[in-house]
Protein backbone atom coordinates (compact mmCIF):
# COMPACT_ATOMS: atom_id res chain seq x y z
CA MET A 1 -1.30 -6.84 19.14
CA SER A 2 -0.60 -3.15 18.78
CA PHE A 3 -3.00 -0.36 17.90
CA VAL A 4 -0.17 2.15 17.50
CA GLU A 5 1.10 2.89 14.02
CA THR A 6 4.75 2.38 13.24
CA SER A 7 6.96 5.44 12.86
CA GLU A 8 7.00 4.87 9.10
CA GLN A 9 3.21 4.69 8.93
CA SER A 10 2.94 7.88 10.98
CA MET A 11 5.40 9.56 8.61
CA ILE A 12 3.31 8.50 5.61
CA ARG A 13 0.15 9.87 7.25
CA GLU A 14 1.73 13.18 8.20
CA THR A 15 3.43 13.73 4.85
CA VAL A 16 0.39 12.86 2.74
CA ALA A 17 -1.77 15.08 4.95
CA LYS A 18 0.67 17.94 4.33
CA ILE A 19 0.74 17.36 0.56
CA ALA A 20 -3.04 17.04 0.28
CA GLY A 21 -3.59 20.00 2.60
CA GLY A 22 -1.52 22.12 0.25
CA PHE A 23 -4.17 21.51 -2.40
CA GLY A 24 -7.25 21.28 -0.22
CA HIS A 25 -10.93 20.88 -0.89
CA ASP A 26 -11.18 24.08 -2.93
CA TYR A 27 -8.74 22.61 -5.47
CA PHE A 28 -10.76 19.42 -5.60
CA VAL A 29 -14.04 21.26 -6.15
CA ASP A 30 -12.48 23.44 -8.84
CA ILE A 31 -11.20 20.55 -10.95
CA THR A 32 -14.45 18.60 -10.63
CA ARG A 33 -16.44 21.61 -11.80
CA ARG A 34 -14.14 21.89 -14.80
CA GLY A 35 -14.33 18.14 -15.44
CA GLU A 36 -10.59 17.67 -15.10
CA PRO A 37 -8.57 14.95 -13.36
CA ALA A 38 -6.44 15.75 -10.31
CA LEU A 39 -3.19 15.67 -12.26
CA GLU A 40 -1.26 18.13 -10.09
CA LEU A 41 -2.15 16.31 -6.89
CA TRP A 42 -1.35 12.95 -8.49
CA GLN A 43 2.06 14.21 -9.58
CA ALA A 44 2.83 15.62 -6.14
CA LEU A 45 1.98 12.25 -4.59
CA ALA A 46 4.00 10.42 -7.25
CA ASP A 47 7.04 12.65 -6.73
CA ALA A 48 6.95 11.80 -3.02
CA GLY A 49 6.54 8.07 -3.75
CA PHE A 50 3.03 7.66 -2.38
CA VAL A 51 1.19 6.37 -5.45
CA ALA A 52 3.61 3.44 -5.30
CA VAL A 53 3.75 2.87 -1.58
CA ASN A 54 2.52 -0.74 -1.96
CA ILE A 55 4.36 -1.65 -5.19
CA PRO A 56 7.41 -3.94 -4.68
CA GLU A 57 10.72 -2.15 -4.26
CA GLU A 58 12.36 -3.93 -7.18
CA TYR A 59 9.95 -2.10 -9.48
CA GLY A 60 10.48 1.32 -7.93
CA GLY A 61 7.76 1.14 -5.29
CA GLY A 62 7.83 1.58 -1.55
CA GLY A 63 7.56 -2.12 -0.78
CA GLN A 64 4.90 -1.51 1.85
CA GLY A 65 1.41 -3.00 2.00
CA ILE A 66 -2.25 -2.23 1.54
CA THR A 67 -2.25 -0.87 5.10
CA GLU A 68 0.04 1.93 3.97
CA LEU A 69 -1.91 2.56 0.76
CA ALA A 70 -5.08 2.82 2.87
CA ILE A 71 -3.36 5.48 4.99
CA VAL A 72 -2.63 7.47 1.82
CA CYS A 73 -6.23 7.14 0.64
CA GLU A 74 -7.61 8.15 4.03
CA GLU A 75 -5.46 11.25 4.36
CA LEU A 76 -6.38 12.44 0.88
CA ALA A 77 -10.07 12.14 1.70
CA ALA A 78 -9.56 13.75 5.11
CA ALA A 79 -8.13 16.77 3.28
CA GLY A 80 -11.24 16.90 1.09
CA CYS A 81 -9.57 15.30 -1.93
CA PRO A 82 -10.82 11.69 -2.30
CA MET A 83 -9.21 9.97 -5.31
CA LEU A 84 -10.73 6.91 -6.96
CA VAL A 85 -7.88 6.51 -9.45
CA LEU A 86 -5.47 5.66 -6.65
CA ILE A 87 -7.73 2.82 -5.54
CA VAL A 88 -8.06 1.48 -9.07
CA SER A 89 -4.47 1.79 -10.29
CA SER A 90 -2.46 1.20 -7.12
CA GLY A 91 -5.02 -0.78 -5.13
CA ILE A 92 -6.40 -3.17 -7.74
CA ALA A 93 -4.26 -3.34 -10.88
CA ALA A 94 -0.80 -3.15 -9.28
CA PRO A 95 -1.32 -6.01 -6.75
CA VAL A 96 -2.82 -8.25 -9.45
CA ILE A 97 0.10 -7.69 -11.80
CA ALA A 98 2.66 -7.97 -9.00
CA GLN A 99 1.28 -11.33 -7.86
CA HIS A 100 0.06 -12.94 -11.07
CA GLY A 101 1.99 -11.23 -13.86
CA SER A 102 5.06 -12.78 -15.45
CA ALA A 103 8.50 -11.31 -14.80
CA GLU A 104 8.30 -9.54 -18.17
CA GLN A 105 4.84 -8.16 -17.43
CA ARG A 106 5.85 -6.88 -14.02
CA GLN A 107 8.87 -5.13 -15.51
CA ARG A 108 6.78 -3.79 -18.37
CA TRP A 109 4.08 -2.05 -16.34
CA LEU A 110 4.94 -1.71 -12.65
CA PRO A 111 7.89 0.75 -12.84
CA ALA A 112 5.83 3.28 -14.82
CA MET A 113 2.94 2.84 -12.38
CA ALA A 114 5.36 3.23 -9.49
CA ASN A 115 6.75 6.57 -10.62
CA GLY A 116 3.29 7.87 -11.50
CA ALA A 117 4.00 8.19 -15.22
CA LYS A 118 1.23 5.72 -16.08
CA LYS A 119 -2.06 4.70 -14.51
CA MET A 120 -4.04 1.54 -15.05
CA ALA A 121 -7.84 1.42 -14.91
CA PHE A 122 -9.95 -1.63 -14.13
CA SER A 123 -13.02 -2.88 -15.99
CA ILE A 124 -15.28 -5.73 -14.90
CA THR A 125 -18.86 -4.42 -14.63
CA GLU A 126 -21.35 -5.04 -17.44
CA PRO A 127 -24.91 -3.77 -17.97
CA ASP A 128 -26.50 -7.22 -17.85
CA ALA A 129 -24.19 -8.86 -15.31
CA GLY A 130 -23.77 -6.39 -12.46
CA LEU A 131 -22.19 -8.17 -9.51
CA ASN A 132 -22.88 -11.60 -11.05
CA THR A 133 -19.49 -11.96 -12.68
CA HIS A 134 -20.36 -15.43 -13.97
CA LYS A 135 -22.74 -13.74 -16.43
CA ILE A 136 -20.03 -11.63 -18.04
CA THR A 137 -20.47 -11.71 -21.82
CA THR A 138 -17.57 -9.56 -23.00
CA SER A 139 -15.52 -12.24 -24.71
CA ALA A 140 -11.94 -12.78 -25.75
CA VAL A 141 -11.71 -15.28 -28.61
CA ARG A 142 -8.50 -16.70 -30.01
CA ASP A 143 -7.46 -15.41 -33.41
CA GLY A 144 -4.29 -17.28 -34.23
CA GLU A 145 -1.92 -16.45 -31.40
CA ASP A 146 -3.79 -13.26 -30.53
CA TRP A 147 -7.07 -12.59 -28.75
CA ARG A 148 -9.99 -10.66 -30.21
CA ILE A 149 -12.21 -8.90 -27.67
CA ARG A 150 -15.87 -8.07 -28.23
CA GLY A 151 -18.50 -6.74 -25.83
CA THR A 152 -19.44 -3.87 -23.54
CA LYS A 153 -18.52 -2.66 -20.09
CA TYR A 154 -19.72 0.26 -18.02
CA TYR A 155 -18.88 2.24 -14.91
CA ALA A 156 -15.19 2.04 -15.73
CA SER A 157 -13.48 4.82 -13.76
CA GLY A 158 -10.80 7.14 -15.10
CA ILE A 159 -10.38 5.57 -18.53
CA ASP A 160 -9.52 8.98 -19.97
CA GLU A 161 -6.53 9.43 -17.65
CA ALA A 162 -5.28 5.82 -17.71
CA ASP A 163 -2.88 4.38 -20.27
CA GLN A 164 -4.10 0.80 -19.90
CA MET A 165 -6.93 -1.05 -18.22
CA LEU A 166 -7.04 -4.42 -16.53
CA LEU A 167 -9.97 -6.10 -18.26
CA VAL A 168 -11.99 -9.13 -17.14
CA ALA A 169 -13.30 -11.08 -20.15
CA ARG A 170 -14.88 -14.46 -20.85
CA THR A 171 -12.54 -16.92 -22.57
CA GLY A 172 -14.69 -20.03 -22.32
CA VAL A 173 -17.42 -21.85 -20.42
CA ASN A 174 -17.16 -24.45 -17.70
CA GLU A 175 -19.20 -27.27 -19.20
CA ALA A 176 -19.91 -28.81 -15.80
CA THR A 177 -21.39 -25.65 -14.24
CA GLY A 178 -22.30 -23.53 -17.27
CA ARG A 179 -20.40 -20.61 -15.76
CA SER A 180 -18.04 -18.42 -17.73
CA ARG A 181 -14.31 -19.01 -17.56
CA LEU A 182 -12.80 -15.58 -17.05
CA SER A 183 -9.36 -14.28 -17.90
CA LEU A 184 -7.48 -11.02 -17.32
CA PHE A 185 -6.01 -8.84 -20.05
CA VAL A 186 -4.14 -5.56 -20.12
CA VAL A 187 -5.72 -3.45 -22.85
CA ASP A 188 -4.51 -0.04 -24.04
CA THR A 189 -7.16 2.62 -23.52
CA ASP A 190 -6.52 3.92 -27.04
CA ALA A 191 -6.60 0.47 -28.69
CA PRO A 192 -8.18 0.33 -32.18
CA GLY A 193 -11.77 -0.87 -31.93
CA LEU A 194 -12.29 0.46 -28.40
CA THR A 195 -14.77 3.32 -28.04
CA ARG A 196 -15.74 5.04 -24.83
CA THR A 197 -18.66 7.22 -23.85
CA VAL A 198 -18.88 9.32 -20.72
CA ILE A 199 -21.76 8.39 -18.41
CA PRO A 200 -23.33 11.62 -17.11
CA MET A 201 -23.14 11.58 -13.32
CA GLU A 202 -24.24 13.94 -10.54
CA LEU A 203 -21.09 13.09 -8.58
CA LYS A 204 -18.46 15.69 -7.82
CA VAL A 205 -15.42 13.46 -8.24
CA ALA A 206 -12.21 13.83 -10.21
CA GLU A 207 -12.73 10.64 -12.22
CA LYS A 208 -15.28 10.26 -14.99
CA GLN A 209 -17.29 7.06 -15.49
CA PHE A 210 -17.35 5.42 -18.92
CA PHE A 211 -19.36 3.04 -21.05
CA LEU A 212 -16.93 0.96 -23.15
CA HIS A 213 -17.55 -0.90 -26.39
CA PHE A 214 -15.01 -3.44 -27.67
CA ASP A 215 -15.33 -4.10 -31.39
CA ASP A 216 -12.72 -6.73 -32.30
CA VAL A 217 -10.03 -5.22 -30.10
CA VAL A 218 -6.92 -7.32 -30.71
CA VAL A 219 -4.51 -8.07 -27.89
CA THR A 220 -1.36 -10.15 -28.10
CA PRO A 221 -0.83 -13.21 -25.87
CA ASP A 222 1.66 -11.34 -23.68
CA ARG A 223 -1.26 -9.18 -22.51
CA MET A 224 -2.96 -12.01 -20.58
CA ILE A 225 -2.28 -11.79 -16.84
CA GLY A 226 -2.02 -15.14 -15.09
CA ALA A 227 -3.54 -18.39 -16.28
CA GLU A 228 -6.30 -18.62 -18.84
CA GLY A 229 -9.66 -19.18 -17.20
CA GLU A 230 -8.35 -18.22 -13.74
CA GLY A 231 -9.13 -14.53 -14.00
CA LEU A 232 -11.79 -14.44 -11.32
CA ARG A 233 -9.47 -16.10 -8.82
CA HIS A 234 -6.63 -13.77 -9.79
CA VAL A 235 -8.73 -10.63 -9.60
CA PHE A 236 -9.54 -11.21 -5.94
CA THR A 237 -5.93 -10.26 -5.28
CA GLY A 238 -7.14 -6.75 -6.10
CA LEU A 239 -10.72 -6.84 -4.84
CA ASN A 240 -9.93 -7.15 -1.14
CA PRO A 241 -7.48 -4.21 -1.38
CA GLU A 242 -10.22 -2.32 -3.23
CA ARG A 243 -12.60 -2.83 -0.32
CA ILE A 244 -9.93 -1.81 2.21
CA THR A 245 -8.94 1.36 0.37
CA VAL A 246 -12.59 2.29 -0.25
CA ALA A 247 -13.16 1.90 3.49
CA ALA A 248 -10.20 4.22 4.07
CA VAL A 249 -11.65 6.84 1.72
CA SER A 250 -14.99 6.66 3.56
CA ALA A 251 -13.18 7.05 6.87
CA GLY A 252 -11.31 10.05 5.51
CA ILE A 253 -14.56 11.67 4.40
CA GLY A 254 -15.91 11.07 7.91
CA ARG A 255 -12.88 12.75 9.47
CA TYR A 256 -13.14 15.66 7.05
CA ALA A 257 -16.82 16.16 7.91
CA LEU A 258 -16.42 15.85 11.68
CA GLY A 259 -13.48 18.24 11.62
CA LYS A 260 -15.63 20.88 9.99
CA ALA A 261 -18.58 20.10 12.26
CA SER A 262 -16.50 20.40 15.44
CA ARG A 263 -15.02 23.73 14.42
CA TYR A 264 -18.42 25.12 13.49
CA ALA A 265 -20.02 23.83 16.71
CA ASN A 266 -17.34 25.63 18.73
CA ASP A 267 -17.35 28.86 16.76
CA ARG A 268 -21.09 29.31 16.18
CA HIS A 269 -22.80 31.02 19.14
CA VAL A 270 -26.55 31.13 19.67
CA TRP A 271 -28.07 32.25 23.00
CA ASP A 272 -24.59 33.23 24.19
CA VAL A 273 -23.07 29.72 24.10
CA PRO A 274 -21.41 27.63 21.40
CA ILE A 275 -24.00 25.41 19.74
CA GLY A 276 -21.78 22.42 20.51
CA ALA A 277 -22.70 22.87 24.18
CA HIS A 278 -26.19 21.60 23.41
CA GLN A 279 -26.49 17.84 23.77
CA GLY A 280 -29.02 17.67 20.96
CA LEU A 281 -26.25 18.76 18.60
CA ALA A 282 -23.23 17.28 20.38
CA HIS A 283 -24.54 13.75 20.77
CA PRO A 284 -25.15 13.03 17.05
CA LEU A 285 -21.56 14.10 16.37
CA ALA A 286 -20.29 11.93 19.22
CA GLU A 287 -22.22 8.92 17.96
CA ALA A 288 -20.88 9.49 14.45
CA LYS A 289 -17.34 9.69 15.86
CA ILE A 290 -17.79 6.35 17.65
CA ALA A 291 -19.06 4.68 14.49
CA LEU A 292 -16.16 6.16 12.54
CA GLU A 293 -13.47 4.93 14.92
CA LEU A 294 -14.97 1.43 15.01
CA ALA A 295 -14.91 1.35 11.20
CA ARG A 296 -11.30 2.55 11.16
CA LEU A 297 -10.34 -0.29 13.49
CA MET A 298 -11.88 -2.88 11.16
CA THR A 299 -10.13 -1.25 8.21
CA GLN A 300 -6.84 -1.49 10.06
CA LYS A 301 -7.51 -5.15 10.85
CA ALA A 302 -8.40 -5.95 7.24
CA GLY A 303 -5.22 -4.32 5.98
CA TRP A 304 -3.11 -6.22 8.50
CA LEU A 305 -4.72 -9.53 7.57
CA PHE A 306 -4.17 -8.95 3.86
CA ASP A 307 -0.57 -7.83 4.29
CA SER A 308 0.12 -10.83 6.54
CA GLY A 309 -1.08 -13.24 3.86
CA ARG A 310 -4.13 -14.28 5.87
CA ASP A 311 -7.73 -14.54 4.72
CA ALA A 312 -8.94 -10.94 4.62
CA GLY A 313 -12.26 -11.54 2.83
CA ALA A 314 -14.64 -11.12 5.76
CA ALA A 315 -12.72 -8.26 7.39
CA SER A 316 -12.36 -6.38 4.09
CA ASN A 317 -16.08 -6.60 3.40
CA MET A 318 -16.99 -5.64 6.96
CA ALA A 319 -14.60 -2.69 6.87
CA LYS A 320 -16.10 -1.42 3.63
CA PHE A 321 -19.64 -1.83 4.97
CA ALA A 322 -18.95 -0.15 8.31
CA ALA A 323 -16.83 2.69 6.95
CA ALA A 324 -19.24 3.58 4.14
CA ASP A 325 -22.07 3.84 6.67
CA ALA A 326 -19.94 5.77 9.15
CA GLY A 327 -18.58 8.21 6.58
CA LEU A 328 -22.06 9.06 5.36
CA ARG A 329 -23.31 9.35 8.94
CA CYS A 330 -20.53 11.79 9.81
CA LEU A 331 -21.21 13.88 6.75
CA ASP A 332 -24.95 13.99 7.41
CA ALA A 333 -24.37 15.04 11.02
CA ALA A 334 -21.97 17.74 9.89
CA ILE A 335 -24.43 19.10 7.35
CA GLN A 336 -27.20 19.07 9.97
CA ILE A 337 -25.22 21.01 12.56
CA HIS A 338 -24.43 23.68 9.95
CA GLY A 339 -28.13 24.27 9.37
CA GLY A 340 -28.71 26.05 6.08
CA ASN A 341 -24.98 26.62 5.75
CA GLY A 342 -24.57 22.88 5.36
CA MET A 343 -25.89 23.19 1.82
CA ALA A 344 -23.87 26.29 0.94
CA SER A 345 -20.92 25.80 -1.41
CA GLU A 346 -18.75 27.93 0.85
CA TYR A 347 -18.76 25.30 3.60
CA GLY A 348 -17.60 22.37 1.43
CA LEU A 349 -19.91 19.70 2.83
CA ALA A 350 -22.83 19.06 0.50
CA ASP A 351 -20.49 18.63 -2.46
CA MET A 352 -18.98 15.57 -0.71
CA TRP A 353 -22.33 13.83 -0.33
CA GLY A 354 -22.28 12.17 -3.76
CA MET A 355 -18.94 10.46 -3.15
CA ALA A 356 -19.91 9.40 0.37
CA ARG A 357 -23.20 7.98 -0.87
CA LEU A 358 -21.57 6.27 -3.85
CA LEU A 359 -19.27 4.29 -1.58
CA ARG A 360 -22.27 2.76 0.15
CA THR A 361 -23.21 1.18 -3.18
CA ALA A 362 -19.93 0.71 -5.02
CA PRO A 363 -17.71 -1.11 -5.67
CA VAL A 364 -19.76 -3.79 -3.94
CA SER A 365 -23.22 -3.15 -2.56
CA ARG A 366 -24.22 -3.40 1.09
CA GLU A 367 -26.57 -6.21 0.16
CA MET A 368 -23.84 -8.34 -1.39
CA ILE A 369 -21.64 -7.77 1.65
CA LEU A 370 -24.46 -8.94 3.89
CA ASN A 371 -24.85 -12.00 1.65
CA TYR A 372 -21.13 -12.71 2.02
CA VAL A 373 -21.15 -12.34 5.80
CA SER A 374 -24.30 -14.44 6.11
CA GLU A 375 -22.74 -17.29 4.17
CA HIS A 376 -19.06 -17.15 5.05
CA SER A 377 -19.09 -15.79 8.60
CA LEU A 378 -22.37 -17.21 9.90
CA GLY A 379 -22.59 -20.42 7.90
CA LEU A 380 -26.06 -19.64 6.59
CA PRO A 381 -27.38 -21.06 3.30
CA ARG A 382 -26.37 -19.23 0.14
CA SER A 383 -29.18 -16.86 -0.83
CA TYR A 384 -28.27 -16.04 -4.42
């Protein structure tokens, strides 16, 4: 067991930090205020091969794992530039297609995702289903050889900057259990019959959230990923990486916040000493640092388990839970030590709060993670 990164992982971390640092938090704030995606940063990462670090080499990717993608996500956030689209396209859609897509499907979509020319969104959440995926009502019904999709989705990230989305839809019902049989489809974001509406959000993030309505959207049979009715099983190929990369983003936000807090605590003098010399201010930062490093360790473990082909479910959920809490704790401590300056735009802290708080709730809530751990790690009765 080693807790030291490989030379290649260290290179990825250093290079991404340099690329992201060249843009910085001011760039991120500027594009979010203008409601624009981080296209320049995305292209810089794509040119250096980092949006494809976990895509198989035969399709133009780096052939690395989720561990390496998590490093990319963390360094972006640590530079003040957290990117949800990287989680969705590279962390969810790409692994699902790489593992469950046909040879033709992999060749059709992965090379363009690998070079950054195309992005793929992900859509599963519905207004009346939430985290209960068995209640999904968006349906795909056979129409000859094709499929006709009807229904609604919401909180779909980055639809406006993606070329396709990986969609979870109901294709039947299990008569024994009454639960929906779910399947995966790749749907063009400009497909006829698909309308999208921006959901107004208070978040300062580069990706917009959308409400989607599918009105007889036709997809051909070559757009189904994996086996019919096995979509929920297939999609978990992407959901554990989602949790791991979200944990990495939270950890990056924590590092960003503590970096600012430490500098301010050293530079700010009151009563002739740096304010960081006072235990009442130093200890909350130290406690936040401890929580952050523990969360980073679990994130590292979850990535290693997933990349080794082992069961990463519990570790991925725990990493997401711990890192989301730690990232928010670090940010809150940083804001507090800045006093009134913590809320000033100039200091670049308060504008990160929305993202840090979001990751405590999404993409899976703390409560559902606790349900998972209770049942799967502790052997307690299922509570839902």
